[in-house]
Amino acid sequence: LAKSSIVCYNFPDNVLFSGEERQPRPKSGSKGISDLTLAECGTLIAALTDKSKHGLHFVVKPDLHDALYYSRSPVIYGAPPDPESKHSFAKRMYANLKCDRNGAARKSSAAATRLKRK
């Protein structure tokens, strides 16, 4: 992606990023999409077919080529975690395969955002 100045947005939070290794590590090493569980594959397909602004999508950003290629800017931005997630922020991945959890904030719970009526 970085070599082609492509950025991925809204990658599902509960699906392994490409190149990310499952813990505990399989003996054969990471095999990409074949490492995904059936549930993760279903989640990924749903994200790819979601045409809303929250769906998985790719954008060409030629002005960010060097920042992407030299891992100064993330190549993959994860979708915000669900309200019940243990993570407060979305996952991001750089071209050097390093990940962090400094992405978008966790989705707010509908129950927590309701106003009390008197």
PDB file of N, CA and C in Angstrom:
ATOM      1  N   LEU A   1       0.820  -1.198   0.000  1.00  0.00           N
ATOM      2  CA  LEU A   1       0.000   0.000   0.000  1.00  0.00           C
ATOM      3  C   LEU A   1       0.863   1.260   0.000  1.00  0.00           C
ATOM      4  N   ALA A   2       1.849   1.294   0.895  1.00  0.00           N
ATOM      5  CA  ALA A   2       2.680   2.496   1.028  1.00  0.00           C
ATOM      6  C   ALA A   2       3.429   2.814  -0.264  1.00  0.00           C
ATOM      7  N   LYS A   3       3.922   1.785  -0.929  1.00  0.00           N
ATOM      8  CA  LYS A   3       4.669   1.985  -2.171  1.00  0.00           C
ATOM      9  C   LYS A   3       3.809   2.654  -3.235  1.00  0.00           C
ATOM     10  N   SER A   4       2.502   2.392  -3.190  1.00  0.00           N
ATOM     11  CA  SER A   4       1.564   2.958  -4.160  1.00  0.00           C
ATOM     12  C   SER A   4       0.801   4.159  -3.616  1.00  0.00           C
ATOM     13  N   SER A   5       1.194   4.656  -2.445  1.00  0.00           N
ATOM     14  CA  SER A   5       0.557   5.822  -1.798  1.00  0.00           C
ATOM     15  C   SER A   5      -0.926   5.584  -1.517  1.00  0.00           C
ATOM     16  N   ILE A   6      -1.270   4.363  -1.139  1.00  0.00           N
ATOM     17  CA  ILE A   6      -2.661   4.017  -0.837  1.00  0.00           C
ATOM     18  C   ILE A   6      -2.825   3.885   0.672  1.00  0.00           C
ATOM     19  N   VAL A   7      -3.888   4.486   1.182  1.00  0.00           N
ATOM     20  CA  VAL A   7      -4.200   4.424   2.607  1.00  0.00           C
ATOM     21  C   VAL A   7      -5.528   3.693   2.773  1.00  0.00           C
ATOM     22  N   CYS A   8      -5.569   2.798   3.726  1.00  0.00           N
ATOM     23  CA  CYS A   8      -6.774   2.027   4.025  1.00  0.00           C
ATOM     24  C   CYS A   8      -7.440   2.631   5.255  1.00  0.00           C
ATOM     25  N   TYR A   9      -8.749   2.846   5.176  1.00  0.00           N
ATOM     26  CA  TYR A   9      -9.514   3.421   6.294  1.00  0.00           C
ATOM     27  C   TYR A   9     -10.606   2.457   6.757  1.00  0.00           C
ATOM     28  N   ASN A  10     -10.850   2.460   8.046  1.00  0.00           N
ATOM     29  CA  ASN A  10     -11.932   1.696   8.688  1.00  0.00           C
ATOM     30  C   ASN A  10     -11.765   0.186   8.596  1.00  0.00           C
ATOM     31  N   PHE A  11     -10.532  -0.281   8.713  1.00  0.00           N
ATOM     32  CA  PHE A  11     -10.307  -1.726   8.779  1.00  0.00           C
ATOM     33  C   PHE A  11     -10.949  -2.224  10.069  1.00  0.00           C
ATOM     34  N   PRO A  12     -11.735  -3.304  10.021  1.00  0.00           N
ATOM     35  CA  PRO A  12     -12.466  -3.758  11.215  1.00  0.00           C
ATOM     36  C   PRO A  12     -11.551  -3.967  12.416  1.00  0.00           C
ATOM     37  N   ASP A  13     -11.996  -3.491  13.564  1.00  0.00           N
ATOM     38  CA  ASP A  13     -11.184  -3.516  14.785  1.00  0.00           C
ATOM     39  C   ASP A  13     -10.864  -4.930  15.255  1.00  0.00           C
ATOM     40  N   ASN A  14     -11.758  -5.857  15.073  1.00  0.00           N
ATOM     41  CA  ASN A  14     -11.554  -7.201  15.610  1.00  0.00           C
ATOM     42  C   ASN A  14     -11.015  -8.190  14.579  1.00  0.00           C
ATOM     43  N   VAL A  15     -10.353  -7.677  13.531  1.00  0.00           N
ATOM     44  CA  VAL A  15      -9.754  -8.510  12.484  1.00  0.00           C
ATOM     45  C   VAL A  15      -8.259  -8.193  12.432  1.00  0.00           C
ATOM     46  N   LEU A  16      -7.429  -9.248  12.308  1.00  0.00           N
ATOM     47  CA  LEU A  16      -5.989  -9.035  12.191  1.00  0.00           C
ATOM     48  C   LEU A  16      -5.659  -8.210  10.961  1.00  0.00           C
ATOM     49  N   PHE A  17      -4.736  -7.267  11.103  1.00  0.00           N
ATOM     50  CA  PHE A  17      -4.222  -6.533   9.951  1.00  0.00           C
ATOM     51  C   PHE A  17      -3.359  -7.489   9.131  1.00  0.00           C
ATOM     52  N   SER A  18      -3.227  -7.213   7.847  1.00  0.00           N
ATOM     53  CA  SER A  18      -2.338  -7.984   6.997  1.00  0.00           C
ATOM     54  C   SER A  18      -0.911  -7.855   7.538  1.00  0.00           C
ATOM     55  N   GLY A  19      -0.231  -8.980   7.720  1.00  0.00           N
ATOM     56  CA  GLY A  19       1.130  -8.948   8.254  1.00  0.00           C
ATOM     57  C   GLY A  19       1.197  -9.017   9.767  1.00  0.00           C
ATOM     58  N   GLU A  20       0.080  -8.796  10.438  1.00  0.00           N
ATOM     59  CA  GLU A  20       0.045  -8.879  11.898  1.00  0.00           C
ATOM     60  C   GLU A  20      -0.041 -10.349  12.299  1.00  0.00           C
ATOM     61  N   GLU A  21       0.694 -10.734  13.330  1.00  0.00           N
ATOM     62  CA  GLU A  21       0.715 -12.131  13.734  1.00  0.00           C
ATOM     63  C   GLU A  21      -0.253 -12.388  14.873  1.00  0.00           C
ATOM     64  N   ARG A  22      -0.947 -13.506  14.765  1.00  0.00           N
ATOM     65  CA  ARG A  22      -1.874 -13.938  15.810  1.00  0.00           C
ATOM     66  C   ARG A  22      -1.063 -14.371  17.031  1.00  0.00           C
ATOM     67  N   GLN A  23      -1.574 -14.065  18.197  1.00  0.00           N
ATOM     68  CA  GLN A  23      -0.932 -14.497  19.440  1.00  0.00           C
ATOM     69  C   GLN A  23      -1.790 -15.571  20.089  1.00  0.00           C
ATOM     70  N   PRO A  24      -1.344 -16.709  20.494  1.00  0.00           N
ATOM     71  CA  PRO A  24       0.050 -17.141  20.359  1.00  0.00           C
ATOM     72  C   PRO A  24       0.403 -17.400  18.906  1.00  0.00           C
ATOM     73  N   ARG A  25       1.648 -17.215  18.611  1.00  0.00           N
ATOM     74  CA  ARG A  25       2.146 -17.285  17.240  1.00  0.00           C
ATOM     75  C   ARG A  25       2.045 -18.708  16.678  1.00  0.00           C
ATOM     76  N   PRO A  26       1.462 -18.857  15.474  1.00  0.00           N
ATOM     77  CA  PRO A  26       1.408 -20.189  14.868  1.00  0.00           C
ATOM     78  C   PRO A  26       2.805 -20.660  14.468  1.00  0.00           C
ATOM     79  N   LYS A  27       3.035 -21.973  14.499  1.00  0.00           N
ATOM     80  CA  LYS A  27       4.355 -22.534  14.172  1.00  0.00           C
ATOM     81  C   LYS A  27       4.803 -22.169  12.763  1.00  0.00           C
ATOM     82  N   SER A  28       3.849 -22.088  11.847  1.00  0.00           N
ATOM     83  CA  SER A  28       4.201 -21.822  10.451  1.00  0.00           C
ATOM     84  C   SER A  28       4.360 -20.339  10.135  1.00  0.00           C
ATOM     85  N   GLY A  29       4.128 -19.462  11.102  1.00  0.00           N
ATOM     86  CA  GLY A  29       4.235 -18.027  10.861  1.00  0.00           C
ATOM     87  C   GLY A  29       2.965 -17.466  10.258  1.00  0.00           C
ATOM     88  N   SER A  30       2.944 -16.155  10.041  1.00  0.00           N
ATOM     89  CA  SER A  30       1.768 -15.487   9.510  1.00  0.00           C
ATOM     90  C   SER A  30       1.594 -15.818   8.032  1.00  0.00           C
ATOM     91  N   LYS A  31       0.377 -16.147   7.653  1.00  0.00           N
ATOM     92  CA  LYS A  31       0.076 -16.493   6.264  1.00  0.00           C
ATOM     93  C   LYS A  31      -0.952 -15.542   5.653  1.00  0.00           C
ATOM     94  N   GLY A  32      -1.069 -14.339   6.190  1.00  0.00           N
ATOM     95  CA  GLY A  32      -1.985 -13.364   5.620  1.00  0.00           C
ATOM     96  C   GLY A  32      -3.432 -13.715   5.879  1.00  0.00           C
ATOM     97  N   ILE A  33      -4.243 -13.635   4.836  1.00  0.00           N
ATOM     98  CA  ILE A  33      -5.680 -13.839   4.998  1.00  0.00           C
ATOM     99  C   ILE A  33      -6.014 -15.261   5.464  1.00  0.00           C
ATOM    100  N   SER A  34      -5.155 -16.225   5.184  1.00  0.00           N
ATOM    101  CA  SER A  34      -5.424 -17.594   5.631  1.00  0.00           C
ATOM    102  C   SER A  34      -5.293 -17.727   7.148  1.00  0.00           C
ATOM    103  N   ASP A  35      -4.707 -16.729   7.809  1.00  0.00           N
ATOM    104  CA  ASP A  35      -4.630 -16.710   9.280  1.00  0.00           C
ATOM    105  C   ASP A  35      -5.963 -16.308   9.909  1.00  0.00           C
ATOM    106  N   LEU A  36      -6.856 -15.713   9.126  1.00  0.00           N
ATOM    107  CA  LEU A  36      -8.116 -15.216   9.674  1.00  0.00           C
ATOM    108  C   LEU A  36      -9.079 -16.362   9.984  1.00  0.00           C
ATOM    109  N   THR A  37      -9.825 -16.183  11.072  1.00  0.00           N
ATOM    110  CA  THR A  37     -10.870 -17.144  11.393  1.00  0.00           C
ATOM    111  C   THR A  37     -12.044 -16.911  10.446  1.00  0.00           C
ATOM    112  N   LEU A  38     -12.984 -17.846  10.444  1.00  0.00           N
ATOM    113  CA  LEU A  38     -14.166 -17.705   9.600  1.00  0.00           C
ATOM    114  C   LEU A  38     -14.954 -16.448   9.991  1.00  0.00           C
ATOM    115  N   ALA A  39     -15.063 -16.194  11.302  1.00  0.00           N
ATOM    116  CA  ALA A  39     -15.771 -14.994  11.773  1.00  0.00           C
ATOM    117  C   ALA A  39     -15.072 -13.721  11.315  1.00  0.00           C
ATOM    118  N   GLU A  40     -13.733 -13.703  11.369  1.00  0.00           N
ATOM    119  CA  GLU A  40     -12.983 -12.533  10.913  1.00  0.00           C
ATOM    120  C   GLU A  40     -13.158 -12.320   9.407  1.00  0.00           C
ATOM    121  N   CYS A  41     -13.182 -13.400   8.639  1.00  0.00           N
ATOM    122  CA  CYS A  41     -13.417 -13.286   7.188  1.00  0.00           C
ATOM    123  C   CYS A  41     -14.784 -12.679   6.922  1.00  0.00           C
ATOM    124  N   GLY A  42     -15.795 -13.114   7.675  1.00  0.00           N
ATOM    125  CA  GLY A  42     -17.140 -12.562   7.521  1.00  0.00           C
ATOM    126  C   GLY A  42     -17.186 -11.086   7.849  1.00  0.00           C
ATOM    127  N   THR A  43     -16.486 -10.691   8.916  1.00  0.00           N
ATOM    128  CA  THR A  43     -16.426  -9.281   9.314  1.00  0.00           C
ATOM    129  C   THR A  43     -15.735  -8.456   8.231  1.00  0.00           C
ATOM    130  N   LEU A  44     -14.669  -8.987   7.675  1.00  0.00           N
ATOM    131  CA  LEU A  44     -13.928  -8.282   6.627  1.00  0.00           C
ATOM    132  C   LEU A  44     -14.782  -8.126   5.365  1.00  0.00           C
ATOM    133  N   ILE A  45     -15.505  -9.162   4.996  1.00  0.00           N
ATOM    134  CA  ILE A  45     -16.387  -9.085   3.816  1.00  0.00           C
ATOM    135  C   ILE A  45     -17.484  -8.050   4.042  1.00  0.00           C
ATOM    136  N   ALA A  46     -18.066  -8.046   5.251  1.00  0.00           N
ATOM    137  CA  ALA A  46     -19.111  -7.063   5.562  1.00  0.00           C
ATOM    138  C   ALA A  46     -18.561  -5.640   5.473  1.00  0.00           C
ATOM    139  N   ALA A  47     -17.340  -5.425   5.964  1.00  0.00           N
ATOM    140  CA  ALA A  47     -16.726  -4.089   5.906  1.00  0.00           C
ATOM    141  C   ALA A  47     -16.445  -3.673   4.464  1.00  0.00           C
ATOM    142  N   LEU A  48     -16.021  -4.616   3.643  1.00  0.00           N
ATOM    143  CA  LEU A  48     -15.723  -4.309   2.239  1.00  0.00           C
ATOM    144  C   LEU A  48     -16.985  -3.985   1.437  1.00  0.00           C
ATOM    145  N   THR A  49     -18.099  -4.580   1.806  1.00  0.00           N
ATOM    146  CA  THR A  49     -19.344  -4.341   1.067  1.00  0.00           C
ATOM    147  C   THR A  49     -20.163  -3.183   1.645  1.00  0.00           C
ATOM    148  N   ASP A  50     -19.738  -2.647   2.783  1.00  0.00           N
ATOM    149  CA  ASP A  50     -20.416  -1.504   3.402  1.00  0.00           C
ATOM    150  C   ASP A  50     -20.052  -0.246   2.623  1.00  0.00           C
ATOM    151  N   LYS A  51     -21.019   0.344   1.962  1.00  0.00           N
ATOM    152  CA  LYS A  51     -20.764   1.527   1.127  1.00  0.00           C
ATOM    153  C   LYS A  51     -20.945   2.842   1.886  1.00  0.00           C
ATOM    154  N   SER A  52     -21.225   2.768   3.191  1.00  0.00           N
ATOM    155  CA  SER A  52     -21.362   3.993   3.981  1.00  0.00           C
ATOM    156  C   SER A  52     -19.974   4.565   4.286  1.00  0.00           C
ATOM    157  N   LYS A  53     -19.941   5.713   4.926  1.00  0.00           N
ATOM    158  CA  LYS A  53     -18.648   6.330   5.275  1.00  0.00           C
ATOM    159  C   LYS A  53     -17.900   5.517   6.320  1.00  0.00           C
ATOM    160  N   HIS A  54     -18.578   4.548   6.955  1.00  0.00           N
ATOM    161  CA  HIS A  54     -17.956   3.713   7.978  1.00  0.00           C
ATOM    162  C   HIS A  54     -17.387   2.426   7.408  1.00  0.00           C
ATOM    163  N   GLY A  55     -17.581   2.186   6.104  1.00  0.00           N
ATOM    164  CA  GLY A  55     -17.095   0.975   5.462  1.00  0.00           C
ATOM    165  C   GLY A  55     -15.604   1.039   5.182  1.00  0.00           C
ATOM    166  N   LEU A  56     -15.018  -0.121   4.984  1.00  0.00           N
ATOM    167  CA  LEU A  56     -13.613  -0.227   4.631  1.00  0.00           C
ATOM    168  C   LEU A  56     -13.414   0.362   3.239  1.00  0.00           C
ATOM    169  N   HIS A  57     -12.483   1.299   3.123  1.00  0.00           N
ATOM    170  CA  HIS A  57     -12.214   1.896   1.819  1.00  0.00           C
ATOM    171  C   HIS A  57     -10.754   2.316   1.706  1.00  0.00           C
ATOM    172  N   PHE A  58     -10.327   2.531   0.474  1.00  0.00           N
ATOM    173  CA  PHE A  58      -8.941   2.858   0.169  1.00  0.00           C
ATOM    174  C   PHE A  58      -8.891   4.185  -0.569  1.00  0.00           C
ATOM    175  N   VAL A  59      -7.885   4.996  -0.249  1.00  0.00           N
ATOM    176  CA  VAL A  59      -7.726   6.310  -0.878  1.00  0.00           C
ATOM    177  C   VAL A  59      -6.275   6.461  -1.329  1.00  0.00           C
ATOM    178  N   VAL A  60      -6.086   6.918  -2.559  1.00  0.00           N
ATOM    179  CA  VAL A  60      -4.740   7.199  -3.069  1.00  0.00           C
ATOM    180  C   VAL A  60      -4.348   8.584  -2.580  1.00  0.00           C
ATOM    181  N   LYS A  61      -3.186   8.662  -1.923  1.00  0.00           N
ATOM    182  CA  LYS A  61      -2.698   9.926  -1.361  1.00  0.00           C
ATOM    183  C   LYS A  61      -1.257  10.167  -1.836  1.00  0.00           C
ATOM    184  N   PRO A  62      -1.083  10.586  -3.102  1.00  0.00           N
ATOM    185  CA  PRO A  62       0.274  10.758  -3.632  1.00  0.00           C
ATOM    186  C   PRO A  62       1.115  11.765  -2.852  1.00  0.00           C
ATOM    187  N   ASP A  63       0.471  12.760  -2.256  1.00  0.00           N
ATOM    188  CA  ASP A  63       1.208  13.768  -1.476  1.00  0.00           C
ATOM    189  C   ASP A  63       1.791  13.183  -0.186  1.00  0.00           C
ATOM    190  N   LEU A  64       1.320  12.010   0.238  1.00  0.00           N
ATOM    191  CA  LEU A  64       1.813  11.377   1.466  1.00  0.00           C
ATOM    192  C   LEU A  64       2.784  10.229   1.194  1.00  0.00           C
ATOM    193  N   HIS A  65       3.216  10.048  -0.056  1.00  0.00           N
ATOM    194  CA  HIS A  65       4.038   8.888  -0.405  1.00  0.00           C
ATOM    195  C   HIS A  65       5.216   8.690   0.537  1.00  0.00           C
ATOM    196  N   ASP A  66       6.050   9.703   0.731  1.00  0.00           N
ATOM    197  CA  ASP A  66       7.232   9.544   1.568  1.00  0.00           C
ATOM    198  C   ASP A  66       6.871   9.259   3.022  1.00  0.00           C
ATOM    199  N   ALA A  67       5.879   9.949   3.547  1.00  0.00           N
ATOM    200  CA  ALA A  67       5.459   9.725   4.936  1.00  0.00           C
ATOM    201  C   ALA A  67       4.942   8.300   5.121  1.00  0.00           C
ATOM    202  N   LEU A  68       4.215   7.797   4.136  1.00  0.00           N
ATOM    203  CA  LEU A  68       3.709   6.421   4.201  1.00  0.00           C
ATOM    204  C   LEU A  68       4.858   5.426   4.067  1.00  0.00           C
ATOM    205  N   TYR A  69       5.677   5.622   3.061  1.00  0.00           N
ATOM    206  CA  TYR A  69       6.759   4.688   2.750  1.00  0.00           C
ATOM    207  C   TYR A  69       7.777   4.582   3.882  1.00  0.00           C
ATOM    208  N   TYR A  70       8.089   5.709   4.516  1.00  0.00           N
ATOM    209  CA  TYR A  70       9.083   5.719   5.598  1.00  0.00           C
ATOM    210  C   TYR A  70       8.445   5.621   6.984  1.00  0.00           C
ATOM    211  N   SER A  71       7.206   5.164   7.028  1.00  0.00           N
ATOM    212  CA  SER A  71       6.492   4.872   8.273  1.00  0.00           C
ATOM    213  C   SER A  71       6.344   6.065   9.207  1.00  0.00           C
ATOM    214  N   ARG A  72       6.163   7.246   8.644  1.00  0.00           N
ATOM    215  CA  ARG A  72       5.878   8.429   9.462  1.00  0.00           C
ATOM    216  C   ARG A  72       4.373   8.655   9.565  1.00  0.00           C
ATOM    217  N   SER A  73       3.613   8.005   8.690  1.00  0.00           N
ATOM    218  CA  SER A  73       2.159   8.115   8.683  1.00  0.00           C
ATOM    219  C   SER A  73       1.587   6.706   8.507  1.00  0.00           C
ATOM    220  N   PRO A  74       0.484   6.384   9.198  1.00  0.00           N
ATOM    221  CA  PRO A  74      -0.085   5.035   9.073  1.00  0.00           C
ATOM    222  C   PRO A  74      -0.590   4.742   7.657  1.00  0.00           C
ATOM    223  N   VAL A  75      -0.469   3.485   7.278  1.00  0.00           N
ATOM    224  CA  VAL A  75      -0.959   2.999   5.993  1.00  0.00           C
ATOM    225  C   VAL A  75      -2.372   2.436   6.173  1.00  0.00           C
ATOM    226  N   ILE A  76      -2.634   1.872   7.348  1.00  0.00           N
ATOM    227  CA  ILE A  76      -3.958   1.321   7.653  1.00  0.00           C
ATOM    228  C   ILE A  76      -4.487   1.982   8.923  1.00  0.00           C
ATOM    229  N   TYR A  77      -5.698   2.505   8.819  1.00  0.00           N
ATOM    230  CA  TYR A  77      -6.391   3.081   9.969  1.00  0.00           C
ATOM    231  C   TYR A  77      -7.537   2.149  10.331  1.00  0.00           C
ATOM    232  N   GLY A  78      -7.525   1.632  11.528  1.00  0.00           N
ATOM    233  CA  GLY A  78      -8.604   0.765  11.970  1.00  0.00           C
ATOM    234  C   GLY A  78      -9.860   1.545  12.281  1.00  0.00           C
ATOM    235  N   ALA A  79     -10.982   0.843  12.213  1.00  0.00           N
ATOM    236  CA  ALA A  79     -12.266   1.444  12.591  1.00  0.00           C
ATOM    237  C   ALA A  79     -12.275   1.655  14.103  1.00  0.00           C
ATOM    238  N   PRO A  80     -13.032   2.642  14.590  1.00  0.00           N
ATOM    239  CA  PRO A  80     -13.111   2.850  16.039  1.00  0.00           C
ATOM    240  C   PRO A  80     -13.644   1.594  16.735  1.00  0.00           C
ATOM    241  N   PRO A  81     -13.082   1.258  17.905  1.00  0.00           N
ATOM    242  CA  PRO A  81     -13.566   0.084  18.630  1.00  0.00           C
ATOM    243  C   PRO A  81     -15.015   0.271  19.094  1.00  0.00           C
ATOM    244  N   ASP A  82     -15.720  -0.844  19.252  1.00  0.00           N
ATOM    245  CA  ASP A  82     -17.088  -0.817  19.769  1.00  0.00           C
ATOM    246  C   ASP A  82     -17.093  -0.335  21.213  1.00  0.00           C
ATOM    247  N   PRO A  83     -18.230   0.158  21.710  1.00  0.00           N
ATOM    248  CA  PRO A  83     -18.305   0.682  23.085  1.00  0.00           C
ATOM    249  C   PRO A  83     -17.864  -0.323  24.148  1.00  0.00           C
ATOM    250  N   GLU A  84     -18.105  -1.610  23.920  1.00  0.00           N
ATOM    251  CA  GLU A  84     -17.749  -2.613  24.926  1.00  0.00           C
ATOM    252  C   GLU A  84     -16.326  -3.148  24.771  1.00  0.00           C
ATOM    253  N   SER A  85     -15.561  -2.614  23.823  1.00  0.00           N
ATOM    254  CA  SER A  85     -14.183  -3.048  23.604  1.00  0.00           C
ATOM    255  C   SER A  85     -13.298  -2.659  24.782  1.00  0.00           C
ATOM    256  N   LYS A  86     -12.268  -3.465  25.011  1.00  0.00           N
ATOM    257  CA  LYS A  86     -11.301  -3.138  26.069  1.00  0.00           C
ATOM    258  C   LYS A  86     -10.341  -2.030  25.617  1.00  0.00           C
ATOM    259  N   HIS A  87     -10.350  -1.725  24.315  1.00  0.00           N
ATOM    260  CA  HIS A  87      -9.465  -0.696  23.773  1.00  0.00           C
ATOM    261  C   HIS A  87     -10.185   0.643  23.662  1.00  0.00           C
ATOM    262  N   SER A  88      -9.488   1.714  24.020  1.00  0.00           N
ATOM    263  CA  SER A  88     -10.071   3.055  23.958  1.00  0.00           C
ATOM    264  C   SER A  88      -9.920   3.695  22.574  1.00  0.00           C
ATOM    265  N   PHE A  89      -8.910   3.255  21.820  1.00  0.00           N
ATOM    266  CA  PHE A  89      -8.623   3.864  20.525  1.00  0.00           C
ATOM    267  C   PHE A  89      -8.396   2.798  19.456  1.00  0.00           C
ATOM    268  N   ALA A  90      -8.604   3.190  18.210  1.00  0.00           N
ATOM    269  CA  ALA A  90      -8.446   2.276  17.074  1.00  0.00           C
ATOM    270  C   ALA A  90      -6.980   1.956  16.815  1.00  0.00           C
ATOM    271  N   LYS A  91      -6.785   0.832  16.183  1.00  0.00           N
ATOM    272  CA  LYS A  91      -5.463   0.350  15.818  1.00  0.00           C
ATOM    273  C   LYS A  91      -5.040   1.024  14.505  1.00  0.00           C
ATOM    274  N   ARG A  92      -3.737   1.256  14.375  1.00  0.00           N
ATOM    275  CA  ARG A  92      -3.162   1.779  13.126  1.00  0.00           C
ATOM    276  C   ARG A  92      -1.921   0.956  12.796  1.00  0.00           C
ATOM    277  N   MET A  93      -1.630   0.811  11.511  1.00  0.00           N
ATOM    278  CA  MET A  93      -0.429   0.088  11.105  1.00  0.00           C
ATOM    279  C   MET A  93       0.376   0.929  10.120  1.00  0.00           C
ATOM    280  N   TYR A  94       1.693   0.844  10.268  1.00  0.00           N
ATOM    281  CA  TYR A  94       2.629   1.571   9.419  1.00  0.00           C
ATOM    282  C   TYR A  94       3.272   0.616   8.420  1.00  0.00           C
ATOM    283  N   ALA A  95       3.968   1.139   7.432  1.00  0.00           N
ATOM    284  CA  ALA A  95       4.601   0.327   6.397  1.00  0.00           C
ATOM    285  C   ALA A  95       5.630  -0.645   6.971  1.00  0.00           C
ATOM    286  N   ASN A  96       6.231  -0.297   8.100  1.00  0.00           N
ATOM    287  CA  ASN A  96       7.215  -1.181   8.726  1.00  0.00           C
ATOM    288  C   ASN A  96       6.557  -2.266   9.585  1.00  0.00           C
ATOM    289  N   LEU A  97       5.222  -2.407   9.486  1.00  0.00           N
ATOM    290  CA  LEU A  97       4.389  -3.394  10.185  1.00  0.00           C
ATOM    291  C   LEU A  97       4.233  -3.132  11.683  1.00  0.00           C
ATOM    292  N   LYS A  98       4.687  -1.994  12.146  1.00  0.00           N
ATOM    293  CA  LYS A  98       4.473  -1.613  13.550  1.00  0.00           C
ATOM    294  C   LYS A  98       3.032  -1.136  13.708  1.00  0.00           C
ATOM    295  N   CYS A  99       2.421  -1.493  14.826  1.00  0.00           N
ATOM    296  CA  CYS A  99       1.040  -1.084  15.109  1.00  0.00           C
ATOM    297  C   CYS A  99       0.990  -0.275  16.394  1.00  0.00           C
ATOM    298  N   ASP A 100       0.014   0.600  16.482  1.00  0.00           N
ATOM    299  CA  ASP A 100      -0.247   1.305  17.731  1.00  0.00           C
ATOM    300  C   ASP A 100      -1.750   1.405  17.920  1.00  0.00           C
ATOM    301  N   ARG A 101      -2.155   1.915  19.044  1.00  0.00           N
ATOM    302  CA  ARG A 101      -3.575   2.106  19.365  1.00  0.00           C
ATOM    303  C   ARG A 101      -3.832   3.595  19.583  1.00  0.00           C
ATOM    304  N   ASN A 102      -3.379   4.421  18.650  1.00  0.00           N
ATOM    305  CA  ASN A 102      -3.537   5.866  18.738  1.00  0.00           C
ATOM    306  C   ASN A 102      -4.475   6.406  17.666  1.00  0.00           C
ATOM    307  N   GLY A 103      -5.373   5.564  17.182  1.00  0.00           N
ATOM    308  CA  GLY A 103      -6.312   5.972  16.149  1.00  0.00           C
ATOM    309  C   GLY A 103      -7.558   6.630  16.722  1.00  0.00           C
ATOM    310  N   ALA A 104      -8.653   6.492  16.012  1.00  0.00           N
ATOM    311  CA  ALA A 104      -9.923   7.109  16.415  1.00  0.00           C
ATOM    312  C   ALA A 104     -10.398   6.569  17.767  1.00  0.00           C
ATOM    313  N   ALA A 105     -11.093   7.423  18.501  1.00  0.00           N
ATOM    314  CA  ALA A 105     -11.600   7.047  19.827  1.00  0.00           C
ATOM    315  C   ALA A 105     -12.716   6.012  19.717  1.00  0.00           C
ATOM    316  N   ARG A 106     -12.871   5.238  20.775  1.00  0.00           N
ATOM    317  CA  ARG A 106     -13.918   4.224  20.871  1.00  0.00           C
ATOM    318  C   ARG A 106     -15.281   4.835  20.594  1.00  0.00           C
ATOM    319  N   LYS A 107     -16.147   4.076  19.927  1.00  0.00           N
ATOM    320  CA  LYS A 107     -17.515   4.535  19.664  1.00  0.00           C
ATOM    321  C   LYS A 107     -18.223   4.742  20.997  1.00  0.00           C
ATOM    322  N   SER A 108     -19.065   5.758  21.067  1.00  0.00           N
ATOM    323  CA  SER A 108     -19.790   5.996  22.312  1.00  0.00           C
ATOM    324  C   SER A 108     -21.004   5.080  22.363  1.00  0.00           C
ATOM    325  N   SER A 109     -21.362   4.723  23.562  1.00  0.00           N
ATOM    326  CA  SER A 109     -22.513   3.844  23.777  1.00  0.00           C
ATOM    327  C   SER A 109     -23.794   4.669  23.683  1.00  0.00           C
ATOM    328  N   ALA A 110     -24.805   4.149  22.998  1.00  0.00           N
ATOM    329  CA  ALA A 110     -26.082   4.837  22.889  1.00  0.00           C
ATOM    330  C   ALA A 110     -26.702   5.028  24.265  1.00  0.00           C
ATOM    331  N   ALA A 111     -26.504   4.053  25.145  1.00  0.00           N
ATOM    332  CA  ALA A 111     -27.057   4.150  26.507  1.00  0.00           C
ATOM    333  C   ALA A 111     -26.380   5.263  27.295  1.00  0.00           C
ATOM    334  N   ALA A 112     -25.079   5.442  27.079  1.00  0.00           N
ATOM    335  CA  ALA A 112     -24.338   6.462  27.829  1.00  0.00           C
ATOM    336  C   ALA A 112     -24.632   7.868  27.322  1.00  0.00           C
ATOM    337  N   THR A 113     -25.103   7.977  26.089  1.00  0.00           N
ATOM    338  CA  THR A 113     -25.335   9.309  25.531  1.00  0.00           C
ATOM    339  C   THR A 113     -26.776   9.782  25.673  1.00  0.00           C
ATOM    340  N   ARG A 114     -27.659   8.951  26.216  1.00  0.00           N
ATOM    341  CA  ARG A 114     -29.043   9.362  26.407  1.00  0.00           C
ATOM    342  C   ARG A 114     -29.132  10.387  27.531  1.00  0.00           C
ATOM    343  N   LEU A 115     -30.008  11.334  27.339  1.00  0.00           N
ATOM    344  CA  LEU A 115     -30.226  12.355  28.365  1.00  0.00           C
ATOM    345  C   LEU A 115     -31.321  11.888  29.316  1.00  0.00           C
ATOM    346  N   LYS A 116     -31.138  12.205  30.580  1.00  0.00           N
ATOM    347  CA  LYS A 116     -32.162  11.882  31.556  1.00  0.00           C
ATOM    348  C   LYS A 116     -33.294  12.884  31.456  1.00  0.00           C
ATOM    349  N   ARG A 117     -34.514  12.391  31.439  1.00  0.00           N
ATOM    350  CA  ARG A 117     -35.677  13.277  31.414  1.00  0.00           C
ATOM    351  C   ARG A 117     -36.255  13.378  32.808  1.00  0.00           C
ATOM    352  N   LYS A 118     -36.698  14.550  33.151  1.00  0.00           N
ATOM    353  CA  LYS A 118     -37.287  14.756  34.488  1.00  0.00           C
ATOM    354  C   LYS A 118     -38.773  14.882  34.392  1.00  0.00           C
TER     355      LYS A 118
END
